[in-house]
Amino acid sequence: MNTREGEFDHLITFREVEFDKDVARLHEWHHKPHVIPFWQQNFPYDQYQTHLKKLLADTHQTLYIGELDGIPMCYWESYWASDDVIANYYDADETDQGIHLLIGPECYLGRGLALPILRAMTAYQFTKEQTMRIVAEPDIRNKKMIHVFNKCGFIPIKEIDLPDKKGLLMVCEREVFYRRWKDVPFRNGQCV
């Protein structure tokens, strides 16, 4: 999938993670100082390979690499909330989707890219017509990402104690998202 948004003159594309193509890249990204505190997946390479294989075999989620103008720069986990641990913390509908993301290379930080790429992925998730809500649970310490989720259309619901972090449960409703971004020319009427 791809999108080129009006005020954002870059091409954003997403493709599914391929183990052989991406394992070294993702291992490197999970060792970045800005990623470690929030993901805690800075495993040794052998352990990370096993971890990634397990993630790829998990049918409740799809892993993506995000590319900006053809260059890999971010990682996404798009999951069905009712089959995820997050369903223990709110009344998840079976059509709700969830989202995790990280930006890998430091050169993409602080450039205003988080909102356009989050908006593009959120729009992509809403291409599943049955999905009315998308949830996220950013680490409560990650004020920058919470701000970006807010700007994208996610509303804070409550703080939650997840097994690996204290998160802020946030929800983005389809109607709110498309009302907020009605002037963004998503392709095919939505995004891709």
N, C-alpha and C. Protein backbone atom coordinates (compact mmCIF):
# COMPACT_ATOMS: atom_id res chain seq x y z
N MET A 1 0.84 -1.17 0.00
CA MET A 1 0.00 0.00 0.00
C MET A 1 0.88 1.22 0.00
N ASN A 2 0.34 2.31 -0.47
CA ASN A 2 1.12 3.55 -0.44
C ASN A 2 0.19 4.74 -0.40
N THR A 3 0.75 5.86 -0.02
CA THR A 3 -0.02 7.09 0.01
C THR A 3 0.91 8.26 -0.18
N ARG A 4 0.41 9.29 -0.84
CA ARG A 4 1.13 10.55 -0.93
C ARG A 4 0.12 11.61 -0.54
N GLU A 5 0.34 12.23 0.59
CA GLU A 5 -0.64 13.15 1.14
C GLU A 5 -0.34 14.58 0.70
N GLY A 6 -1.37 15.38 0.66
CA GLY A 6 -1.29 16.72 0.11
C GLY A 6 -0.18 17.59 0.65
N GLU A 7 -0.17 17.84 1.96
CA GLU A 7 0.82 18.76 2.53
C GLU A 7 2.15 18.07 2.81
N PHE A 8 2.20 16.80 2.53
CA PHE A 8 3.34 15.98 2.89
C PHE A 8 3.90 15.38 1.61
N ASP A 9 4.97 15.97 1.11
CA ASP A 9 5.44 15.62 -0.23
C ASP A 9 6.44 14.46 -0.21
N HIS A 10 6.01 13.37 0.39
CA HIS A 10 6.81 12.15 0.40
C HIS A 10 5.87 10.98 0.13
N LEU A 11 6.43 9.93 -0.42
CA LEU A 11 5.65 8.72 -0.65
C LEU A 11 5.84 7.78 0.54
N ILE A 12 4.75 7.44 1.20
CA ILE A 12 4.76 6.49 2.31
C ILE A 12 4.25 5.15 1.77
N THR A 13 5.03 4.11 1.98
CA THR A 13 4.58 2.78 1.58
C THR A 13 4.74 1.83 2.76
N PHE A 14 3.90 0.84 2.79
CA PHE A 14 3.97 -0.21 3.80
C PHE A 14 4.01 -1.55 3.09
N ARG A 15 4.85 -2.42 3.57
CA ARG A 15 4.90 -3.78 3.06
C ARG A 15 5.03 -4.73 4.24
N GLU A 16 4.56 -5.95 4.06
CA GLU A 16 4.65 -6.91 5.16
C GLU A 16 6.11 -7.29 5.42
N VAL A 17 6.42 -7.48 6.67
CA VAL A 17 7.77 -7.89 7.07
C VAL A 17 8.08 -9.26 6.47
N GLU A 18 9.27 -9.38 5.92
CA GLU A 18 9.79 -10.65 5.41
C GLU A 18 10.99 -11.01 6.29
N PHE A 19 10.96 -12.21 6.83
CA PHE A 19 11.99 -12.58 7.81
C PHE A 19 13.40 -12.37 7.28
N ASP A 20 13.72 -13.00 6.16
CA ASP A 20 15.10 -12.94 5.66
C ASP A 20 15.51 -11.52 5.29
N LYS A 21 14.59 -10.76 4.78
CA LYS A 21 14.89 -9.41 4.32
C LYS A 21 15.00 -8.41 5.47
N ASP A 22 14.27 -8.68 6.57
CA ASP A 22 14.12 -7.63 7.59
C ASP A 22 14.68 -7.97 8.96
N VAL A 23 15.05 -9.21 9.22
CA VAL A 23 15.43 -9.55 10.59
C VAL A 23 16.63 -8.73 11.08
N ALA A 24 17.64 -8.55 10.27
CA ALA A 24 18.81 -7.79 10.71
C ALA A 24 18.44 -6.32 10.94
N ARG A 25 17.62 -5.79 10.06
CA ARG A 25 17.19 -4.39 10.18
C ARG A 25 16.39 -4.19 11.48
N LEU A 26 15.45 -5.08 11.73
CA LEU A 26 14.63 -4.93 12.93
C LEU A 26 15.44 -5.15 14.20
N HIS A 27 16.38 -6.09 14.13
CA HIS A 27 17.26 -6.29 15.28
C HIS A 27 18.04 -5.01 15.57
N GLU A 28 18.56 -4.39 14.53
CA GLU A 28 19.30 -3.13 14.71
C GLU A 28 18.39 -2.04 15.28
N TRP A 29 17.20 -1.91 14.73
CA TRP A 29 16.30 -0.85 15.20
C TRP A 29 15.90 -1.05 16.67
N HIS A 30 15.74 -2.30 17.07
CA HIS A 30 15.36 -2.55 18.46
C HIS A 30 16.51 -2.31 19.43
N HIS A 31 17.68 -2.02 18.92
CA HIS A 31 18.82 -1.68 19.77
C HIS A 31 19.10 -0.18 19.77
N LYS A 32 18.26 0.60 19.15
CA LYS A 32 18.44 2.05 19.14
C LYS A 32 18.08 2.61 20.52
N PRO A 33 18.88 3.56 21.01
CA PRO A 33 18.61 4.12 22.34
C PRO A 33 17.21 4.72 22.50
N HIS A 34 16.64 5.25 21.42
CA HIS A 34 15.30 5.84 21.53
C HIS A 34 14.19 4.77 21.47
N VAL A 35 14.55 3.54 21.11
CA VAL A 35 13.56 2.46 21.00
C VAL A 35 13.55 1.58 22.25
N ILE A 36 14.74 1.30 22.78
CA ILE A 36 14.87 0.34 23.88
C ILE A 36 13.92 0.62 25.05
N PRO A 37 13.82 1.86 25.54
CA PRO A 37 12.98 2.06 26.74
C PRO A 37 11.51 1.70 26.53
N PHE A 38 11.02 1.81 25.30
CA PHE A 38 9.59 1.61 25.06
C PHE A 38 9.26 0.23 24.50
N TRP A 39 10.23 -0.46 23.93
CA TRP A 39 9.97 -1.77 23.34
C TRP A 39 10.62 -2.90 24.13
N GLN A 40 11.76 -2.66 24.71
CA GLN A 40 12.46 -3.66 25.53
C GLN A 40 12.64 -4.98 24.78
N GLN A 41 12.97 -4.90 23.51
CA GLN A 41 13.23 -6.09 22.69
C GLN A 41 14.65 -6.07 22.14
N ASN A 42 15.57 -5.52 22.92
CA ASN A 42 16.97 -5.44 22.51
C ASN A 42 17.67 -6.76 22.87
N PHE A 43 17.15 -7.82 22.28
CA PHE A 43 17.66 -9.16 22.54
C PHE A 43 18.93 -9.41 21.73
N PRO A 44 19.76 -10.40 22.16
CA PRO A 44 20.84 -10.87 21.29
C PRO A 44 20.25 -11.37 19.97
N TYR A 45 21.08 -11.38 18.92
CA TYR A 45 20.58 -11.66 17.58
C TYR A 45 19.85 -13.01 17.49
N ASP A 46 20.42 -14.06 18.04
CA ASP A 46 19.76 -15.37 17.97
C ASP A 46 18.39 -15.34 18.63
N GLN A 47 18.32 -14.70 19.77
CA GLN A 47 17.05 -14.61 20.49
C GLN A 47 16.06 -13.75 19.71
N TYR A 48 16.56 -12.68 19.08
CA TYR A 48 15.65 -11.83 18.31
C TYR A 48 15.09 -12.59 17.10
N GLN A 49 15.92 -13.41 16.47
CA GLN A 49 15.42 -14.21 15.33
C GLN A 49 14.25 -15.09 15.77
N THR A 50 14.42 -15.76 16.89
CA THR A 50 13.34 -16.62 17.40
C THR A 50 12.10 -15.79 17.71
N HIS A 51 12.32 -14.63 18.33
CA HIS A 51 11.22 -13.73 18.68
C HIS A 51 10.46 -13.30 17.43
N LEU A 52 11.19 -12.89 16.39
CA LEU A 52 10.53 -12.42 15.17
C LEU A 52 9.77 -13.55 14.48
N LYS A 53 10.33 -14.74 14.47
CA LYS A 53 9.61 -15.87 13.88
C LYS A 53 8.29 -16.11 14.60
N LYS A 54 8.32 -15.98 15.92
CA LYS A 54 7.09 -16.16 16.71
C LYS A 54 6.07 -15.07 16.36
N LEU A 55 6.54 -13.84 16.24
CA LEU A 55 5.63 -12.74 15.88
C LEU A 55 5.02 -12.97 14.51
N LEU A 56 5.84 -13.42 13.56
CA LEU A 56 5.34 -13.62 12.20
C LEU A 56 4.35 -14.79 12.13
N ALA A 57 4.48 -15.74 13.05
CA ALA A 57 3.56 -16.89 13.05
C ALA A 57 2.25 -16.59 13.77
N ASP A 58 2.19 -15.47 14.46
CA ASP A 58 1.01 -15.08 15.23
C ASP A 58 -0.04 -14.49 14.30
N THR A 59 -1.13 -15.21 14.10
CA THR A 59 -2.12 -14.80 13.10
C THR A 59 -3.01 -13.65 13.56
N HIS A 60 -2.90 -13.21 14.79
CA HIS A 60 -3.76 -12.10 15.22
C HIS A 60 -3.15 -10.74 14.84
N GLN A 61 -1.95 -10.78 14.25
CA GLN A 61 -1.33 -9.52 13.88
C GLN A 61 -0.58 -9.65 12.55
N THR A 62 -0.36 -8.50 11.93
CA THR A 62 0.44 -8.42 10.71
C THR A 62 1.54 -7.39 10.97
N LEU A 63 2.76 -7.75 10.60
CA LEU A 63 3.91 -6.87 10.80
C LEU A 63 4.23 -6.16 9.49
N TYR A 64 4.53 -4.88 9.58
CA TYR A 64 4.84 -4.09 8.39
C TYR A 64 6.14 -3.32 8.56
N ILE A 65 6.80 -3.10 7.44
CA ILE A 65 7.88 -2.12 7.34
C ILE A 65 7.31 -0.92 6.62
N GLY A 66 7.51 0.25 7.19
CA GLY A 66 7.11 1.49 6.54
C GLY A 66 8.31 2.09 5.83
N GLU A 67 8.07 2.53 4.60
CA GLU A 67 9.15 3.14 3.83
C GLU A 67 8.76 4.57 3.46
N LEU A 68 9.73 5.44 3.50
CA LEU A 68 9.53 6.82 3.10
C LEU A 68 10.35 7.04 1.83
N ASP A 69 9.66 7.31 0.75
CA ASP A 69 10.32 7.45 -0.56
C ASP A 69 11.20 6.24 -0.86
N GLY A 70 10.70 5.07 -0.51
CA GLY A 70 11.39 3.83 -0.83
C GLY A 70 12.45 3.39 0.16
N ILE A 71 12.65 4.14 1.23
CA ILE A 71 13.68 3.78 2.21
C ILE A 71 13.02 3.32 3.51
N PRO A 72 13.34 2.09 3.96
CA PRO A 72 12.75 1.60 5.21
C PRO A 72 13.09 2.51 6.38
N MET A 73 12.04 2.89 7.17
CA MET A 73 12.31 3.81 8.28
C MET A 73 11.43 3.54 9.51
N CYS A 74 10.45 2.65 9.42
CA CYS A 74 9.61 2.40 10.58
C CYS A 74 9.04 0.98 10.55
N TYR A 75 8.62 0.54 11.72
CA TYR A 75 8.10 -0.81 11.91
C TYR A 75 6.72 -0.71 12.56
N TRP A 76 5.80 -1.57 12.14
CA TRP A 76 4.42 -1.54 12.61
C TRP A 76 3.95 -2.94 12.98
N GLU A 77 3.15 -3.01 14.02
CA GLU A 77 2.39 -4.21 14.34
C GLU A 77 0.92 -3.81 14.32
N SER A 78 0.18 -4.38 13.38
CA SER A 78 -1.26 -4.13 13.25
C SER A 78 -1.96 -5.39 13.72
N TYR A 79 -2.78 -5.27 14.76
CA TYR A 79 -3.35 -6.47 15.36
C TYR A 79 -4.85 -6.35 15.58
N TRP A 80 -5.50 -7.51 15.74
CA TRP A 80 -6.92 -7.56 16.07
C TRP A 80 -7.02 -7.51 17.59
N ALA A 81 -7.65 -6.46 18.09
CA ALA A 81 -7.64 -6.20 19.53
C ALA A 81 -8.31 -7.29 20.35
N SER A 82 -9.37 -7.89 19.82
CA SER A 82 -10.10 -8.89 20.62
C SER A 82 -9.26 -10.13 20.88
N ASP A 83 -8.21 -10.35 20.07
CA ASP A 83 -7.33 -11.51 20.24
C ASP A 83 -6.02 -11.13 20.92
N ASP A 84 -5.93 -9.91 21.41
CA ASP A 84 -4.70 -9.39 21.99
C ASP A 84 -4.89 -9.19 23.49
N VAL A 85 -3.77 -9.08 24.20
CA VAL A 85 -3.83 -8.84 25.64
C VAL A 85 -4.61 -7.57 25.97
N ILE A 86 -4.66 -6.63 25.04
CA ILE A 86 -5.37 -5.37 25.29
C ILE A 86 -6.86 -5.61 25.56
N ALA A 87 -7.39 -6.73 25.09
CA ALA A 87 -8.81 -7.04 25.30
C ALA A 87 -9.12 -7.27 26.78
N ASN A 88 -8.08 -7.48 27.59
CA ASN A 88 -8.29 -7.62 29.03
C ASN A 88 -8.52 -6.29 29.73
N TYR A 89 -8.39 -5.20 28.97
CA TYR A 89 -8.43 -3.87 29.59
C TYR A 89 -9.58 -2.99 29.11
N TYR A 90 -10.32 -3.46 28.11
CA TYR A 90 -11.51 -2.72 27.69
C TYR A 90 -12.43 -3.68 26.96
N ASP A 91 -13.65 -3.24 26.67
CA ASP A 91 -14.65 -4.08 26.01
C ASP A 91 -14.37 -4.07 24.50
N ALA A 92 -13.43 -4.92 24.07
CA ALA A 92 -12.99 -4.93 22.67
C ALA A 92 -14.04 -5.58 21.78
N ASP A 93 -14.36 -4.91 20.70
CA ASP A 93 -15.21 -5.50 19.68
C ASP A 93 -14.32 -6.36 18.78
N GLU A 94 -14.87 -7.42 18.21
CA GLU A 94 -14.04 -8.29 17.37
C GLU A 94 -13.54 -7.61 16.10
N THR A 95 -14.09 -6.44 15.78
CA THR A 95 -13.63 -5.71 14.59
C THR A 95 -12.62 -4.61 14.92
N ASP A 96 -12.35 -4.39 16.21
CA ASP A 96 -11.36 -3.38 16.59
C ASP A 96 -9.97 -3.83 16.18
N GLN A 97 -9.19 -2.90 15.71
CA GLN A 97 -7.79 -3.18 15.43
C GLN A 97 -6.91 -2.36 16.36
N GLY A 98 -5.67 -2.80 16.52
CA GLY A 98 -4.71 -2.08 17.35
C GLY A 98 -3.44 -1.83 16.57
N ILE A 99 -2.59 -1.00 17.17
CA ILE A 99 -1.41 -0.56 16.44
C ILE A 99 -0.23 -0.34 17.39
N HIS A 100 0.93 -0.78 16.95
CA HIS A 100 2.21 -0.48 17.60
C HIS A 100 3.14 0.05 16.51
N LEU A 101 4.00 0.96 16.84
CA LEU A 101 4.95 1.46 15.85
C LEU A 101 6.24 1.93 16.48
N LEU A 102 7.27 1.93 15.66
CA LEU A 102 8.53 2.57 16.04
C LEU A 102 9.17 3.13 14.79
N ILE A 103 9.89 4.22 14.99
CA ILE A 103 10.73 4.78 13.93
C ILE A 103 12.14 4.29 14.21
N GLY A 104 12.80 3.70 13.22
CA GLY A 104 14.10 3.09 13.42
C GLY A 104 15.26 4.09 13.39
N PRO A 105 15.74 4.45 12.21
CA PRO A 105 16.92 5.31 12.13
C PRO A 105 16.70 6.68 12.79
N GLU A 106 17.68 7.12 13.55
CA GLU A 106 17.57 8.39 14.27
C GLU A 106 17.36 9.58 13.33
N CYS A 107 17.85 9.47 12.09
CA CYS A 107 17.76 10.61 11.17
C CYS A 107 16.31 10.96 10.82
N TYR A 108 15.36 10.08 11.14
CA TYR A 108 13.95 10.37 10.86
C TYR A 108 13.22 10.94 12.07
N LEU A 109 13.90 11.07 13.19
CA LEU A 109 13.27 11.61 14.39
C LEU A 109 13.24 13.14 14.32
N GLY A 110 12.22 13.73 14.91
CA GLY A 110 12.14 15.18 15.01
C GLY A 110 11.92 15.90 13.70
N ARG A 111 11.43 15.20 12.69
CA ARG A 111 11.20 15.80 11.37
C ARG A 111 9.72 15.91 11.03
N GLY A 112 8.88 15.71 12.02
CA GLY A 112 7.45 15.82 11.76
C GLY A 112 6.88 14.67 10.95
N LEU A 113 7.53 13.53 10.98
CA LEU A 113 7.09 12.38 10.17
C LEU A 113 6.12 11.47 10.90
N ALA A 114 6.13 11.50 12.23
CA ALA A 114 5.32 10.55 12.99
C ALA A 114 3.83 10.70 12.67
N LEU A 115 3.33 11.91 12.60
CA LEU A 115 1.90 12.09 12.33
C LEU A 115 1.52 11.60 10.93
N PRO A 116 2.22 12.00 9.87
CA PRO A 116 1.82 11.50 8.54
C PRO A 116 1.88 9.98 8.42
N ILE A 117 2.89 9.35 9.01
CA ILE A 117 2.95 7.88 8.87
C ILE A 117 1.90 7.20 9.73
N LEU A 118 1.62 7.75 10.91
CA LEU A 118 0.56 7.19 11.75
C LEU A 118 -0.80 7.37 11.06
N ARG A 119 -1.01 8.53 10.49
CA ARG A 119 -2.28 8.80 9.80
C ARG A 119 -2.45 7.84 8.61
N ALA A 120 -1.37 7.59 7.89
CA ALA A 120 -1.44 6.68 6.75
C ALA A 120 -1.76 5.26 7.20
N MET A 121 -1.11 4.79 8.26
CA MET A 121 -1.39 3.43 8.74
C MET A 121 -2.80 3.33 9.31
N THR A 122 -3.24 4.36 10.03
CA THR A 122 -4.60 4.36 10.59
C THR A 122 -5.62 4.29 9.45
N ALA A 123 -5.41 5.08 8.42
CA ALA A 123 -6.31 5.04 7.26
C ALA A 123 -6.29 3.67 6.61
N TYR A 124 -5.12 3.06 6.55
CA TYR A 124 -5.03 1.72 5.97
C TYR A 124 -5.83 0.72 6.81
N GLN A 125 -5.72 0.81 8.13
CA GLN A 125 -6.49 -0.11 8.97
C GLN A 125 -8.00 0.09 8.76
N PHE A 126 -8.40 1.34 8.55
CA PHE A 126 -9.82 1.59 8.33
C PHE A 126 -10.29 1.14 6.94
N THR A 127 -9.39 0.72 6.07
CA THR A 127 -9.86 0.15 4.81
C THR A 127 -10.59 -1.17 5.04
N LYS A 128 -10.39 -1.78 6.20
CA LYS A 128 -11.22 -2.93 6.60
C LYS A 128 -12.56 -2.32 7.02
N GLU A 129 -13.57 -2.47 6.18
CA GLU A 129 -14.83 -1.74 6.36
C GLU A 129 -15.51 -2.04 7.68
N GLN A 130 -15.28 -3.23 8.23
CA GLN A 130 -15.93 -3.56 9.49
C GLN A 130 -15.29 -2.87 10.70
N THR A 131 -14.10 -2.34 10.55
CA THR A 131 -13.40 -1.72 11.67
C THR A 131 -13.92 -0.31 11.93
N MET A 132 -14.46 -0.10 13.12
CA MET A 132 -14.97 1.21 13.52
C MET A 132 -14.03 1.90 14.50
N ARG A 133 -13.17 1.10 15.17
CA ARG A 133 -12.26 1.67 16.17
C ARG A 133 -10.87 1.08 16.00
N ILE A 134 -9.90 1.93 16.25
CA ILE A 134 -8.51 1.48 16.33
C ILE A 134 -7.98 1.92 17.69
N VAL A 135 -7.29 1.00 18.36
CA VAL A 135 -6.78 1.30 19.69
C VAL A 135 -5.26 1.34 19.67
N ALA A 136 -4.72 2.04 20.64
CA ALA A 136 -3.28 2.08 20.84
C ALA A 136 -3.04 2.16 22.34
N GLU A 137 -1.87 1.75 22.76
CA GLU A 137 -1.56 1.82 24.18
C GLU A 137 -0.11 2.28 24.36
N PRO A 138 0.19 3.52 23.91
CA PRO A 138 1.56 4.01 24.05
C PRO A 138 2.01 4.04 25.51
N ASP A 139 3.29 3.82 25.69
CA ASP A 139 3.88 3.90 27.03
C ASP A 139 3.55 5.26 27.64
N ILE A 140 3.11 5.25 28.88
CA ILE A 140 2.67 6.49 29.53
C ILE A 140 3.80 7.52 29.59
N ARG A 141 5.05 7.05 29.51
CA ARG A 141 6.19 7.99 29.55
C ARG A 141 6.47 8.62 28.20
N ASN A 142 5.91 8.06 27.15
CA ASN A 142 6.23 8.53 25.79
C ASN A 142 5.29 9.67 25.39
N LYS A 143 5.54 10.83 26.01
CA LYS A 143 4.65 11.98 25.81
C LYS A 143 4.61 12.44 24.35
N LYS A 144 5.73 12.31 23.63
CA LYS A 144 5.73 12.73 22.23
C LYS A 144 4.76 11.89 21.40
N MET A 145 4.80 10.57 21.58
CA MET A 145 3.90 9.72 20.79
C MET A 145 2.45 9.89 21.23
N ILE A 146 2.22 10.10 22.51
CA ILE A 146 0.84 10.34 22.96
C ILE A 146 0.31 11.60 22.29
N HIS A 147 1.14 12.62 22.19
CA HIS A 147 0.75 13.85 21.50
C HIS A 147 0.43 13.58 20.03
N VAL A 148 1.26 12.77 19.38
CA VAL A 148 1.03 12.44 17.96
C VAL A 148 -0.27 11.64 17.80
N PHE A 149 -0.50 10.67 18.67
CA PHE A 149 -1.75 9.91 18.61
C PHE A 149 -2.95 10.85 18.78
N ASN A 150 -2.84 11.78 19.72
CA ASN A 150 -3.92 12.75 19.92
C ASN A 150 -4.17 13.55 18.65
N LYS A 151 -3.11 14.04 18.03
CA LYS A 151 -3.27 14.84 16.81
C LYS A 151 -3.90 14.02 15.69
N CYS A 152 -3.61 12.73 15.68
CA CYS A 152 -4.14 11.86 14.62
C CYS A 152 -5.64 11.59 14.80
N GLY A 153 -6.14 11.74 16.04
CA GLY A 153 -7.56 11.49 16.29
C GLY A 153 -7.83 10.47 17.37
N PHE A 154 -6.77 10.01 18.03
CA PHE A 154 -6.92 9.05 19.13
C PHE A 154 -7.25 9.81 20.42
N ILE A 155 -8.23 9.31 21.16
CA ILE A 155 -8.68 9.94 22.40
C ILE A 155 -8.20 9.09 23.59
N PRO A 156 -7.58 9.73 24.60
CA PRO A 156 -7.16 8.96 25.79
C PRO A 156 -8.39 8.43 26.54
N ILE A 157 -8.32 7.15 26.93
CA ILE A 157 -9.41 6.53 27.66
C ILE A 157 -9.03 6.33 29.13
N LYS A 158 -7.90 5.64 29.35
CA LYS A 158 -7.47 5.41 30.73
C LYS A 158 -6.05 4.86 30.74
N GLU A 159 -5.40 5.01 31.87
CA GLU A 159 -4.09 4.40 32.06
C GLU A 159 -4.31 2.92 32.37
N ILE A 160 -3.43 2.07 31.82
CA ILE A 160 -3.55 0.63 32.05
C ILE A 160 -2.18 0.04 32.37
N ASP A 161 -2.18 -0.96 33.25
CA ASP A 161 -0.95 -1.66 33.61
C ASP A 161 -0.84 -2.92 32.79
N LEU A 162 -0.10 -2.85 31.68
CA LEU A 162 0.13 -3.99 30.81
C LEU A 162 1.28 -4.82 31.38
N PRO A 163 1.44 -6.07 30.90
CA PRO A 163 2.53 -6.90 31.43
C PRO A 163 3.91 -6.28 31.28
N ASP A 164 4.11 -5.48 30.21
CA ASP A 164 5.44 -4.95 29.94
C ASP A 164 5.57 -3.45 30.12
N LYS A 165 4.50 -2.78 30.50
CA LYS A 165 4.58 -1.32 30.64
C LYS A 165 3.30 -0.77 31.24
N LYS A 166 3.38 0.49 31.66
CA LYS A 166 2.17 1.23 32.01
C LYS A 166 1.81 2.03 30.76
N GLY A 167 0.66 1.74 30.20
CA GLY A 167 0.28 2.38 28.94
C GLY A 167 -0.92 3.29 29.10
N LEU A 168 -1.14 4.08 28.07
CA LEU A 168 -2.34 4.92 28.01
C LEU A 168 -3.22 4.35 26.90
N LEU A 169 -4.36 3.78 27.29
CA LEU A 169 -5.29 3.26 26.28
C LEU A 169 -5.91 4.42 25.53
N MET A 170 -5.77 4.39 24.21
CA MET A 170 -6.31 5.46 23.37
C MET A 170 -7.14 4.82 22.26
N VAL A 171 -8.20 5.49 21.85
CA VAL A 171 -9.11 4.96 20.85
C VAL A 171 -9.34 5.99 19.76
N CYS A 172 -9.32 5.55 18.52
CA CYS A 172 -9.63 6.40 17.37
C CYS A 172 -10.88 5.83 16.70
N GLU A 173 -11.91 6.63 16.66
CA GLU A 173 -13.16 6.21 16.01
C GLU A 173 -13.09 6.57 14.52
N ARG A 174 -13.62 5.69 13.68
CA ARG A 174 -13.60 5.93 12.23
C ARG A 174 -14.17 7.31 11.87
N GLU A 175 -15.34 7.62 12.41
CA GLU A 175 -16.01 8.88 12.05
C GLU A 175 -15.15 10.09 12.44
N VAL A 176 -14.56 10.03 13.62
CA VAL A 176 -13.71 11.13 14.09
C VAL A 176 -12.50 11.28 13.18
N PHE A 177 -11.89 10.15 12.82
CA PHE A 177 -10.70 10.18 11.99
C PHE A 177 -10.98 10.83 10.64
N TYR A 178 -12.03 10.38 9.96
CA TYR A 178 -12.29 10.92 8.62
C TYR A 178 -12.84 12.34 8.66
N ARG A 179 -13.49 12.71 9.76
CA ARG A 179 -13.92 14.10 9.89
C ARG A 179 -12.70 14.99 10.08
N ARG A 180 -11.77 14.54 10.90
CA ARG A 180 -10.57 15.34 11.16
C ARG A 180 -9.69 15.49 9.93
N TRP A 181 -9.61 14.45 9.12
CA TRP A 181 -8.69 14.44 7.97
C TRP A 181 -9.44 14.47 6.66
N LYS A 182 -10.59 15.14 6.63
CA LYS A 182 -11.42 15.16 5.42
C LYS A 182 -10.72 15.79 4.23
N ASP A 183 -9.72 16.65 4.49
CA ASP A 183 -9.02 17.31 3.40
C ASP A 183 -7.76 16.57 2.94
N VAL A 184 -7.46 15.46 3.59
CA VAL A 184 -6.28 14.68 3.19
C VAL A 184 -6.69 13.73 2.07
N PRO A 185 -6.02 13.81 0.93
CA PRO A 185 -6.43 12.98 -0.22
C PRO A 185 -5.89 11.56 -0.15
N PHE A 186 -6.50 10.75 0.73
CA PHE A 186 -6.12 9.35 0.76
C PHE A 186 -6.50 8.71 -0.57
N ARG A 187 -5.67 7.84 -1.04
CA ARG A 187 -5.97 7.19 -2.32
C ARG A 187 -7.14 6.22 -2.17
N ASN A 188 -7.84 6.01 -3.27
CA ASN A 188 -8.99 5.11 -3.30
C ASN A 188 -10.03 5.50 -2.27
N GLY A 189 -10.15 6.81 -2.02
CA GLY A 189 -11.16 7.30 -1.09
C GLY A 189 -10.78 7.12 0.36
N GLN A 190 -9.77 6.36 0.64
CA GLN A 190 -9.38 6.19 2.04
C GLN A 190 -7.88 6.42 2.18
N CYS A 191 -7.07 5.49 1.72
CA CYS A 191 -5.65 5.68 1.91
C CYS A 191 -4.84 5.05 0.79
N VAL A 192 -5.09 3.80 0.54
CA VAL A 192 -4.15 3.08 -0.32
C VAL A 192 -4.60 3.00 -1.77
